[in-house]
Amino acid sequence: MKADRGAGFEAVFLDPVGQVVQQRWVDAALAVAFEDLPPVSAFPVIPGRRWGPGLWWSATTGRHVAAGSNAMRLQLMVLDRDPRVSALAGRPVRLLWRTPRGQVRSWVPQLFARYSDGTALLADCPSHPDAGGDRALNAAEAVTEACAHLGWTYRRLEPLDDVLAANLKWLAGYRHPRNAGRTGLMAAVLEEFAQPRPLIEGAEAAGDPIEALPAVFHALWHGQLTTGLETPLHERVLVGPRGWSSPGTTGGAG
């Protein structure tokens, strides 16, 4: 029964020249690189909201991804740092299906992420758990089924904790390769944090902190260095090498 339901989904998307295409979901998922496609429909502009649609520059791909809200930008940050993710896109596909009563339903997930193993994630980024009401929850159930049919995943991504969100926004400002600094600087930074130590101490040991701190933050964004992101970043936060298993504590004030 579930296989029949999954096979009954249709996909609507724009081809590389902007023409609307509709085909069986299972065929499109196997053949179409959704990560390379533009949004199938524009993100809505909602009057009165502080954040509107825009573009997120992805450190993973070096390309811009359409983003429709602040909540979506934050989730893009999380996925852009995930080493399993190889590509990202905003709203590249609309799914169509029929209810048991024969009514046609559709949904456009906000996010598409391709994993390095070829599987994918379709996701929405609600600003609170009940966002979208029953229609969104019913669509989530259907899209979950459509993805499971392919070995993919659908999720309504939970809003981030305020501290984690603030830390990610800070590190994201240093995600561009230019923040790695001059030749040899990143190697010096990584060497100074081969053992966990307060952030400012390692930066000063690597060189001029004005030059070294952007490289430290760049390395933290890309996972070359590690620290706890559940508490606010500050100059005495402990920073350690990739794979360090006990981040988050702070150094003394000495």
C-alpha atoms as a PDB file:
ATOM      1  CA  MET A   1       0.000   0.000   0.000  1.00  0.00           C
ATOM      2  CA  LYS A   2       2.776   2.412   0.964  1.00  0.00           C
ATOM      3  CA  ALA A   3       4.715   1.576  -2.199  1.00  0.00           C
ATOM      4  CA  ASP A   4       1.628   2.369  -4.289  1.00  0.00           C
ATOM      5  CA  ARG A   5       1.204   5.672  -2.464  1.00  0.00           C
ATOM      6  CA  GLY A   6       4.866   6.600  -2.987  1.00  0.00           C
ATOM      7  CA  ALA A   7       4.709   5.692  -6.654  1.00  0.00           C
ATOM      8  CA  GLY A   8       1.620   7.902  -7.033  1.00  0.00           C
ATOM      9  CA  PHE A   9       3.452  11.138  -6.254  1.00  0.00           C
ATOM     10  CA  GLU A  10       4.279  13.591  -9.012  1.00  0.00           C
ATOM     11  CA  ALA A  11       7.134  16.130  -9.086  1.00  0.00           C
ATOM     12  CA  VAL A  12       6.903  19.614 -10.590  1.00  0.00           C
ATOM     13  CA  PHE A  13      10.094  21.597 -11.188  1.00  0.00           C
ATOM     14  CA  LEU A  14      11.772  24.007 -13.582  1.00  0.00           C
ATOM     15  CA  ASP A  15      14.238  22.637 -16.107  1.00  0.00           C
ATOM     16  CA  PRO A  16      17.561  24.448 -16.750  1.00  0.00           C
ATOM     17  CA  VAL A  17      15.903  26.807 -19.259  1.00  0.00           C
ATOM     18  CA  GLY A  18      13.021  27.652 -16.924  1.00  0.00           C
ATOM     19  CA  GLN A  19      10.300  25.442 -18.433  1.00  0.00           C
ATOM     20  CA  VAL A  20       7.866  23.755 -16.059  1.00  0.00           C
ATOM     21  CA  VAL A  21       8.203  19.966 -16.023  1.00  0.00           C
ATOM     22  CA  GLN A  22       5.914  17.452 -14.339  1.00  0.00           C
ATOM     23  CA  GLN A  23       6.784  13.768 -14.064  1.00  0.00           C
ATOM     24  CA  ARG A  24       6.532  10.796 -11.756  1.00  0.00           C
ATOM     25  CA  TRP A  25       8.243  11.528  -8.454  1.00  0.00           C
ATOM     26  CA  VAL A  26      10.203   8.294  -8.447  1.00  0.00           C
ATOM     27  CA  ASP A  27      11.562   9.009 -11.937  1.00  0.00           C
ATOM     28  CA  ALA A  28      12.430  12.632 -11.191  1.00  0.00           C
ATOM     29  CA  ALA A  29      14.156  11.773  -7.930  1.00  0.00           C
ATOM     30  CA  LEU A  30      16.440   9.327  -9.728  1.00  0.00           C
ATOM     31  CA  ALA A  31      17.213  11.491 -12.750  1.00  0.00           C
ATOM     32  CA  VAL A  32      17.002  15.156 -11.713  1.00  0.00           C
ATOM     33  CA  ALA A  33      19.711  17.088  -9.885  1.00  0.00           C
ATOM     34  CA  PHE A  34      17.327  19.179  -7.790  1.00  0.00           C
ATOM     35  CA  GLU A  35      20.318  20.854  -6.147  1.00  0.00           C
ATOM     36  CA  ASP A  36      21.056  22.606  -9.450  1.00  0.00           C
ATOM     37  CA  LEU A  37      17.548  23.968 -10.006  1.00  0.00           C
ATOM     38  CA  PRO A  38      16.021  27.352  -9.125  1.00  0.00           C
ATOM     39  CA  PRO A  39      12.979  27.616  -6.853  1.00  0.00           C
ATOM     40  CA  VAL A  40       9.887  26.146  -8.502  1.00  0.00           C
ATOM     41  CA  SER A  41       7.946  29.061  -7.006  1.00  0.00           C
ATOM     42  CA  ALA A  42       9.046  32.229  -5.263  1.00  0.00           C
ATOM     43  CA  PHE A  43       9.215  32.478  -1.505  1.00  0.00           C
ATOM     44  CA  PRO A  44       6.297  34.570  -0.258  1.00  0.00           C
ATOM     45  CA  VAL A  45       6.890  38.091   1.005  1.00  0.00           C
ATOM     46  CA  ILE A  46       4.871  38.570   4.206  1.00  0.00           C
ATOM     47  CA  PRO A  47       4.265  42.208   5.196  1.00  0.00           C
ATOM     48  CA  GLY A  48       5.393  43.109   8.690  1.00  0.00           C
ATOM     49  CA  ARG A  49       8.040  40.427   8.998  1.00  0.00           C
ATOM     50  CA  ARG A  50      11.540  41.581   9.834  1.00  0.00           C
ATOM     51  CA  TRP A  51      13.154  38.972   7.581  1.00  0.00           C
ATOM     52  CA  GLY A  52      12.221  38.415   3.962  1.00  0.00           C
ATOM     53  CA  PRO A  53      13.407  36.260   1.083  1.00  0.00           C
ATOM     54  CA  GLY A  54      17.052  36.511   0.128  1.00  0.00           C
ATOM     55  CA  LEU A  55      20.149  34.515  -0.788  1.00  0.00           C
ATOM     56  CA  TRP A  56      22.552  32.498   1.345  1.00  0.00           C
ATOM     57  CA  TRP A  57      26.100  31.993   0.052  1.00  0.00           C
ATOM     58  CA  SER A  58      26.942  28.328   0.638  1.00  0.00           C
ATOM     59  CA  ALA A  59      30.460  27.462   1.710  1.00  0.00           C
ATOM     60  CA  THR A  60      29.708  23.878   0.651  1.00  0.00           C
ATOM     61  CA  THR A  61      29.049  24.692  -3.010  1.00  0.00           C
ATOM     62  CA  GLY A  62      30.334  28.258  -3.488  1.00  0.00           C
ATOM     63  CA  ARG A  63      26.898  29.198  -4.862  1.00  0.00           C
ATOM     64  CA  HIS A  64      23.889  31.091  -3.576  1.00  0.00           C
ATOM     65  CA  VAL A  65      20.834  29.313  -2.180  1.00  0.00           C
ATOM     66  CA  ALA A  66      17.420  30.965  -2.099  1.00  0.00           C
ATOM     67  CA  ALA A  67      16.170  31.433   1.450  1.00  0.00           C
ATOM     68  CA  GLY A  68      12.710  32.545   2.483  1.00  0.00           C
ATOM     69  CA  SER A  69      12.988  33.378   6.169  1.00  0.00           C
ATOM     70  CA  ASN A  70      15.341  33.844   9.074  1.00  0.00           C
ATOM     71  CA  ALA A  71      14.427  30.373  10.347  1.00  0.00           C
ATOM     72  CA  MET A  72      15.423  28.914   6.981  1.00  0.00           C
ATOM     73  CA  ARG A  73      18.722  30.814   6.934  1.00  0.00           C
ATOM     74  CA  LEU A  74      19.589  29.354  10.313  1.00  0.00           C
ATOM     75  CA  GLN A  75      18.863  25.825   9.116  1.00  0.00           C
ATOM     76  CA  LEU A  76      20.951  26.503   6.005  1.00  0.00           C
ATOM     77  CA  MET A  77      23.836  27.384   8.321  1.00  0.00           C
ATOM     78  CA  VAL A  78      23.489  24.045  10.104  1.00  0.00           C
ATOM     79  CA  LEU A  79      23.388  22.082   6.846  1.00  0.00           C
ATOM     80  CA  ASP A  80      26.173  24.136   5.267  1.00  0.00           C
ATOM     81  CA  ARG A  81      28.466  23.015   8.122  1.00  0.00           C
ATOM     82  CA  ASP A  82      27.397  19.369   7.916  1.00  0.00           C
ATOM     83  CA  PRO A  83      30.245  17.379   6.295  1.00  0.00           C
ATOM     84  CA  ARG A  84      27.734  14.873   4.921  1.00  0.00           C
ATOM     85  CA  VAL A  85      26.017  17.549   2.810  1.00  0.00           C
ATOM     86  CA  SER A  86      27.338  18.045  -0.729  1.00  0.00           C
ATOM     87  CA  ALA A  87      24.756  20.489  -2.153  1.00  0.00           C
ATOM     88  CA  LEU A  88      21.812  22.671  -1.154  1.00  0.00           C
ATOM     89  CA  ALA A  89      18.822  24.270  -2.871  1.00  0.00           C
ATOM     90  CA  GLY A  90      15.774  26.288  -1.885  1.00  0.00           C
ATOM     91  CA  ARG A  91      12.288  25.115  -2.974  1.00  0.00           C
ATOM     92  CA  PRO A  92      13.434  23.250  -6.114  1.00  0.00           C
ATOM     93  CA  VAL A  93      10.474  20.852  -6.332  1.00  0.00           C
ATOM     94  CA  ARG A  94       6.725  20.717  -5.733  1.00  0.00           C
ATOM     95  CA  LEU A  95       5.157  17.384  -4.840  1.00  0.00           C
ATOM     96  CA  LEU A  96       1.634  16.474  -5.976  1.00  0.00           C
ATOM     97  CA  TRP A  97      -0.533  13.616  -4.724  1.00  0.00           C
ATOM     98  CA  ARG A  98      -4.152  12.578  -4.265  1.00  0.00           C
ATOM     99  CA  THR A  99      -5.898  12.010  -0.970  1.00  0.00           C
ATOM    100  CA  PRO A 100      -7.906   8.808  -0.445  1.00  0.00           C
ATOM    101  CA  ARG A 101     -10.951  10.867  -1.557  1.00  0.00           C
ATOM    102  CA  GLY A 102      -9.232  11.757  -4.820  1.00  0.00           C
ATOM    103  CA  GLN A 103      -8.473  15.378  -3.938  1.00  0.00           C
ATOM    104  CA  VAL A 104      -5.237  16.759  -5.401  1.00  0.00           C
ATOM    105  CA  ARG A 105      -2.818  18.134  -2.809  1.00  0.00           C
ATOM    106  CA  SER A 106       0.567  19.790  -3.266  1.00  0.00           C
ATOM    107  CA  TRP A 107       3.471  20.959  -1.152  1.00  0.00           C
ATOM    108  CA  VAL A 108       6.785  22.709  -1.796  1.00  0.00           C
ATOM    109  CA  PRO A 109       9.381  21.828   0.860  1.00  0.00           C
ATOM    110  CA  GLN A 110      11.579  24.797   1.681  1.00  0.00           C
ATOM    111  CA  LEU A 111      14.909  23.012   1.597  1.00  0.00           C
ATOM    112  CA  PHE A 112      16.647  20.347  -0.422  1.00  0.00           C
ATOM    113  CA  ALA A 113      19.985  18.937   0.727  1.00  0.00           C
ATOM    114  CA  ARG A 114      21.967  16.334  -1.172  1.00  0.00           C
ATOM    115  CA  TYR A 115      24.163  14.043   0.888  1.00  0.00           C
ATOM    116  CA  SER A 116      27.499  12.728  -0.298  1.00  0.00           C
ATOM    117  CA  ASP A 117      26.082   9.188  -0.489  1.00  0.00           C
ATOM    118  CA  GLY A 118      23.517  10.350  -3.064  1.00  0.00           C
ATOM    119  CA  THR A 119      20.495  10.343  -0.761  1.00  0.00           C
ATOM    120  CA  ALA A 120      18.688  13.569   0.050  1.00  0.00           C
ATOM    121  CA  LEU A 121      16.780  15.537   2.642  1.00  0.00           C
ATOM    122  CA  LEU A 122      13.620  17.530   1.990  1.00  0.00           C
ATOM    123  CA  ALA A 123      12.851  19.859   4.869  1.00  0.00           C
ATOM    124  CA  ASP A 124      10.738  22.711   6.106  1.00  0.00           C
ATOM    125  CA  CYS A 125      11.909  25.316   8.587  1.00  0.00           C
ATOM    126  CA  PRO A 126       8.963  26.359  10.762  1.00  0.00           C
ATOM    127  CA  SER A 127       9.574  29.240  13.150  1.00  0.00           C
ATOM    128  CA  HIS A 128       7.595  27.346  15.809  1.00  0.00           C
ATOM    129  CA  PRO A 129       6.348  23.734  16.056  1.00  0.00           C
ATOM    130  CA  ASP A 130       2.753  24.495  14.997  1.00  0.00           C
ATOM    131  CA  ALA A 131       3.613  26.790  12.090  1.00  0.00           C
ATOM    132  CA  GLY A 132       1.508  26.118   9.003  1.00  0.00           C
ATOM    133  CA  GLY A 133      -1.320  24.451  10.914  1.00  0.00           C
ATOM    134  CA  ASP A 134      -3.012  21.227   9.859  1.00  0.00           C
ATOM    135  CA  ARG A 135      -2.202  21.706   6.182  1.00  0.00           C
ATOM    136  CA  ALA A 136       1.531  21.720   6.900  1.00  0.00           C
ATOM    137  CA  LEU A 137       1.292  18.737   9.239  1.00  0.00           C
ATOM    138  CA  ASN A 138      -0.754  16.730   6.723  1.00  0.00           C
ATOM    139  CA  ALA A 139       1.727  17.621   3.982  1.00  0.00           C
ATOM    140  CA  ALA A 140       4.596  16.574   6.232  1.00  0.00           C
ATOM    141  CA  GLU A 141       3.055  13.130   6.607  1.00  0.00           C
ATOM    142  CA  ALA A 142       2.643  12.752   2.851  1.00  0.00           C
ATOM    143  CA  VAL A 143       6.093  14.048   1.926  1.00  0.00           C
ATOM    144  CA  THR A 144       7.663  11.814   4.583  1.00  0.00           C
ATOM    145  CA  GLU A 145       6.049   8.861   2.822  1.00  0.00           C
ATOM    146  CA  ALA A 146       7.206  10.036  -0.603  1.00  0.00           C
ATOM    147  CA  CYS A 147      10.787  10.364   0.625  1.00  0.00           C
ATOM    148  CA  ALA A 148      10.804   7.068   2.496  1.00  0.00           C
ATOM    149  CA  HIS A 149       9.819   5.336  -0.738  1.00  0.00           C
ATOM    150  CA  LEU A 150      13.215   6.452  -2.115  1.00  0.00           C
ATOM    151  CA  GLY A 151      15.352   6.032   0.978  1.00  0.00           C
ATOM    152  CA  TRP A 152      15.336   9.815   1.427  1.00  0.00           C
ATOM    153  CA  THR A 153      14.271  11.822   4.485  1.00  0.00           C
ATOM    154  CA  TYR A 154      11.765  14.580   5.158  1.00  0.00           C
ATOM    155  CA  ARG A 155      11.880  16.636   8.363  1.00  0.00           C
ATOM    156  CA  ARG A 156      10.306  19.681   9.926  1.00  0.00           C
ATOM    157  CA  LEU A 157      13.481  21.122  11.404  1.00  0.00           C
ATOM    158  CA  GLU A 158      13.159  22.358  14.952  1.00  0.00           C
ATOM    159  CA  PRO A 159      13.993  26.034  15.616  1.00  0.00           C
ATOM    160  CA  LEU A 160      17.474  26.536  17.014  1.00  0.00           C
ATOM    161  CA  ASP A 161      18.285  27.574  20.552  1.00  0.00           C
ATOM    162  CA  ASP A 162      19.034  31.306  20.697  1.00  0.00           C
ATOM    163  CA  VAL A 163      22.626  30.845  21.871  1.00  0.00           C
ATOM    164  CA  LEU A 164      23.413  28.239  19.232  1.00  0.00           C
ATOM    165  CA  ALA A 165      21.829  30.459  16.573  1.00  0.00           C
ATOM    166  CA  ALA A 166      23.911  33.460  17.661  1.00  0.00           C
ATOM    167  CA  ASN A 167      27.122  31.414  17.619  1.00  0.00           C
ATOM    168  CA  LEU A 168      26.398  30.005  14.160  1.00  0.00           C
ATOM    169  CA  LYS A 169      25.640  33.483  12.808  1.00  0.00           C
ATOM    170  CA  TRP A 170      28.984  34.699  14.151  1.00  0.00           C
ATOM    171  CA  LEU A 171      30.992  31.826  12.692  1.00  0.00           C
ATOM    172  CA  ALA A 172      29.098  32.057   9.404  1.00  0.00           C
ATOM    173  CA  GLY A 173      30.573  35.507   8.931  1.00  0.00           C
ATOM    174  CA  TYR A 174      33.950  33.790   8.513  1.00  0.00           C
ATOM    175  CA  ARG A 175      32.908  30.894   6.265  1.00  0.00           C
ATOM    176  CA  HIS A 176      34.384  32.344   3.060  1.00  0.00           C
ATOM    177  CA  PRO A 177      37.828  30.953   2.046  1.00  0.00           C
ATOM    178  CA  ARG A 178      39.384  34.427   2.242  1.00  0.00           C
ATOM    179  CA  ASN A 179      39.251  34.158   6.038  1.00  0.00           C
ATOM    180  CA  ALA A 180      41.737  31.283   5.991  1.00  0.00           C
ATOM    181  CA  GLY A 181      44.348  34.025   5.649  1.00  0.00           C
ATOM    182  CA  ARG A 182      47.797  34.080   4.132  1.00  0.00           C
ATOM    183  CA  THR A 183      49.735  30.967   3.209  1.00  0.00           C
ATOM    184  CA  GLY A 184      50.855  29.141   6.316  1.00  0.00           C
ATOM    185  CA  LEU A 185      48.522  30.903   8.744  1.00  0.00           C
ATOM    186  CA  MET A 186      45.917  28.122   8.928  1.00  0.00           C
ATOM    187  CA  ALA A 187      48.622  25.525   9.553  1.00  0.00           C
ATOM    188  CA  ALA A 188      49.922  27.668  12.415  1.00  0.00           C
ATOM    189  CA  VAL A 189      46.438  28.076  13.865  1.00  0.00           C
ATOM    190  CA  LEU A 190      45.729  24.345  13.764  1.00  0.00           C
ATOM    191  CA  GLU A 191      49.089  23.595  15.356  1.00  0.00           C
ATOM    192  CA  GLU A 192      48.444  25.992  18.242  1.00  0.00           C
ATOM    193  CA  PHE A 193      45.132  24.278  18.998  1.00  0.00           C
ATOM    194  CA  ALA A 194      46.452  20.726  18.739  1.00  0.00           C
ATOM    195  CA  GLN A 195      45.707  20.647  22.469  1.00  0.00           C
ATOM    196  CA  PRO A 196      42.619  22.455  23.814  1.00  0.00           C
ATOM    197  CA  ARG A 197      43.304  25.964  25.059  1.00  0.00           C
ATOM    198  CA  PRO A 198      41.457  29.302  25.428  1.00  0.00           C
ATOM    199  CA  LEU A 199      40.621  30.854  22.081  1.00  0.00           C
ATOM    200  CA  ILE A 200      42.572  34.086  22.607  1.00  0.00           C
ATOM    201  CA  GLU A 201      45.705  32.277  23.793  1.00  0.00           C
ATOM    202  CA  GLY A 202      45.861  30.115  20.688  1.00  0.00           C
ATOM    203  CA  ALA A 203      45.190  33.074  18.395  1.00  0.00           C
ATOM    204  CA  GLU A 204      47.969  35.120  20.014  1.00  0.00           C
ATOM    205  CA  ALA A 205      50.378  32.181  19.765  1.00  0.00           C
ATOM    206  CA  ALA A 206      49.588  31.778  16.042  1.00  0.00           C
ATOM    207  CA  GLY A 207      50.415  35.417  15.258  1.00  0.00           C
ATOM    208  CA  ASP A 208      48.792  38.824  15.338  1.00  0.00           C
ATOM    209  CA  PRO A 209      45.295  38.190  16.762  1.00  0.00           C
ATOM    210  CA  ILE A 210      43.785  40.647  14.260  1.00  0.00           C
ATOM    211  CA  GLU A 211      45.024  38.327  11.513  1.00  0.00           C
ATOM    212  CA  ALA A 212      44.715  35.013  13.347  1.00  0.00           C
ATOM    213  CA  LEU A 213      41.209  35.299  14.838  1.00  0.00           C
ATOM    214  CA  PRO A 214      39.402  35.235  11.450  1.00  0.00           C
ATOM    215  CA  ALA A 215      41.365  32.079  10.616  1.00  0.00           C
ATOM    216  CA  VAL A 216      40.351  30.528  13.954  1.00  0.00           C
ATOM    217  CA  PHE A 217      36.677  31.299  13.313  1.00  0.00           C
ATOM    218  CA  HIS A 218      37.006  29.990   9.752  1.00  0.00           C
ATOM    219  CA  ALA A 219      38.449  26.732  11.093  1.00  0.00           C
ATOM    220  CA  LEU A 220      35.650  26.489  13.673  1.00  0.00           C
ATOM    221  CA  TRP A 221      33.030  26.954  10.970  1.00  0.00           C
ATOM    222  CA  HIS A 222      34.533  24.207   8.811  1.00  0.00           C
ATOM    223  CA  GLY A 223      35.101  21.782  11.685  1.00  0.00           C
ATOM    224  CA  GLN A 224      38.887  21.890  11.525  1.00  0.00           C
ATOM    225  CA  LEU A 225      38.717  23.097  15.115  1.00  0.00           C
ATOM    226  CA  THR A 226      36.056  22.369  17.728  1.00  0.00           C
ATOM    227  CA  THR A 227      34.373  24.229  20.561  1.00  0.00           C
ATOM    228  CA  GLY A 228      31.068  24.071  22.366  1.00  0.00           C
ATOM    229  CA  LEU A 229      28.375  26.147  20.662  1.00  0.00           C
ATOM    230  CA  GLU A 230      25.717  25.735  23.348  1.00  0.00           C
ATOM    231  CA  THR A 231      27.211  28.578  25.425  1.00  0.00           C
ATOM    232  CA  PRO A 232      28.155  32.060  24.145  1.00  0.00           C
ATOM    233  CA  LEU A 233      31.486  32.324  22.362  1.00  0.00           C
ATOM    234  CA  HIS A 234      34.052  34.521  24.107  1.00  0.00           C
ATOM    235  CA  GLU A 235      37.805  34.956  24.186  1.00  0.00           C
ATOM    236  CA  ARG A 236      38.384  32.362  26.950  1.00  0.00           C
ATOM    237  CA  VAL A 237      36.218  29.594  25.487  1.00  0.00           C
ATOM    238  CA  LEU A 238      38.201  26.384  25.052  1.00  0.00           C
ATOM    239  CA  VAL A 239      39.022  25.462  21.456  1.00  0.00           C
ATOM    240  CA  GLY A 240      40.472  22.114  20.467  1.00  0.00           C
ATOM    241  CA  PRO A 241      41.330  20.036  17.391  1.00  0.00           C
ATOM    242  CA  ARG A 242      38.889  18.244  15.098  1.00  0.00           C
ATOM    243  CA  GLY A 243      37.292  15.353  16.944  1.00  0.00           C
ATOM    244  CA  TRP A 244      37.951  16.754  20.400  1.00  0.00           C
ATOM    245  CA  SER A 245      35.238  15.133  22.492  1.00  0.00           C
ATOM    246  CA  SER A 246      34.823  17.525  25.434  1.00  0.00           C
ATOM    247  CA  PRO A 247      34.259  21.061  24.138  1.00  0.00           C
ATOM    248  CA  GLY A 248      32.266  23.696  25.942  1.00  0.00           C
ATOM    249  CA  THR A 249      34.152  24.401  29.163  1.00  0.00           C
ATOM    250  CA  THR A 250      36.030  27.630  29.609  1.00  0.00           C
ATOM    251  CA  GLY A 251      39.560  28.453  30.588  1.00  0.00           C
ATOM    252  CA  GLY A 252      40.576  30.425  33.627  1.00  0.00           C
ATOM    253  CA  ALA A 253      40.744  34.180  33.644  1.00  0.00           C
ATOM    254  CA  GLY A 254      44.494  34.240  34.051  1.00  0.00           C
END
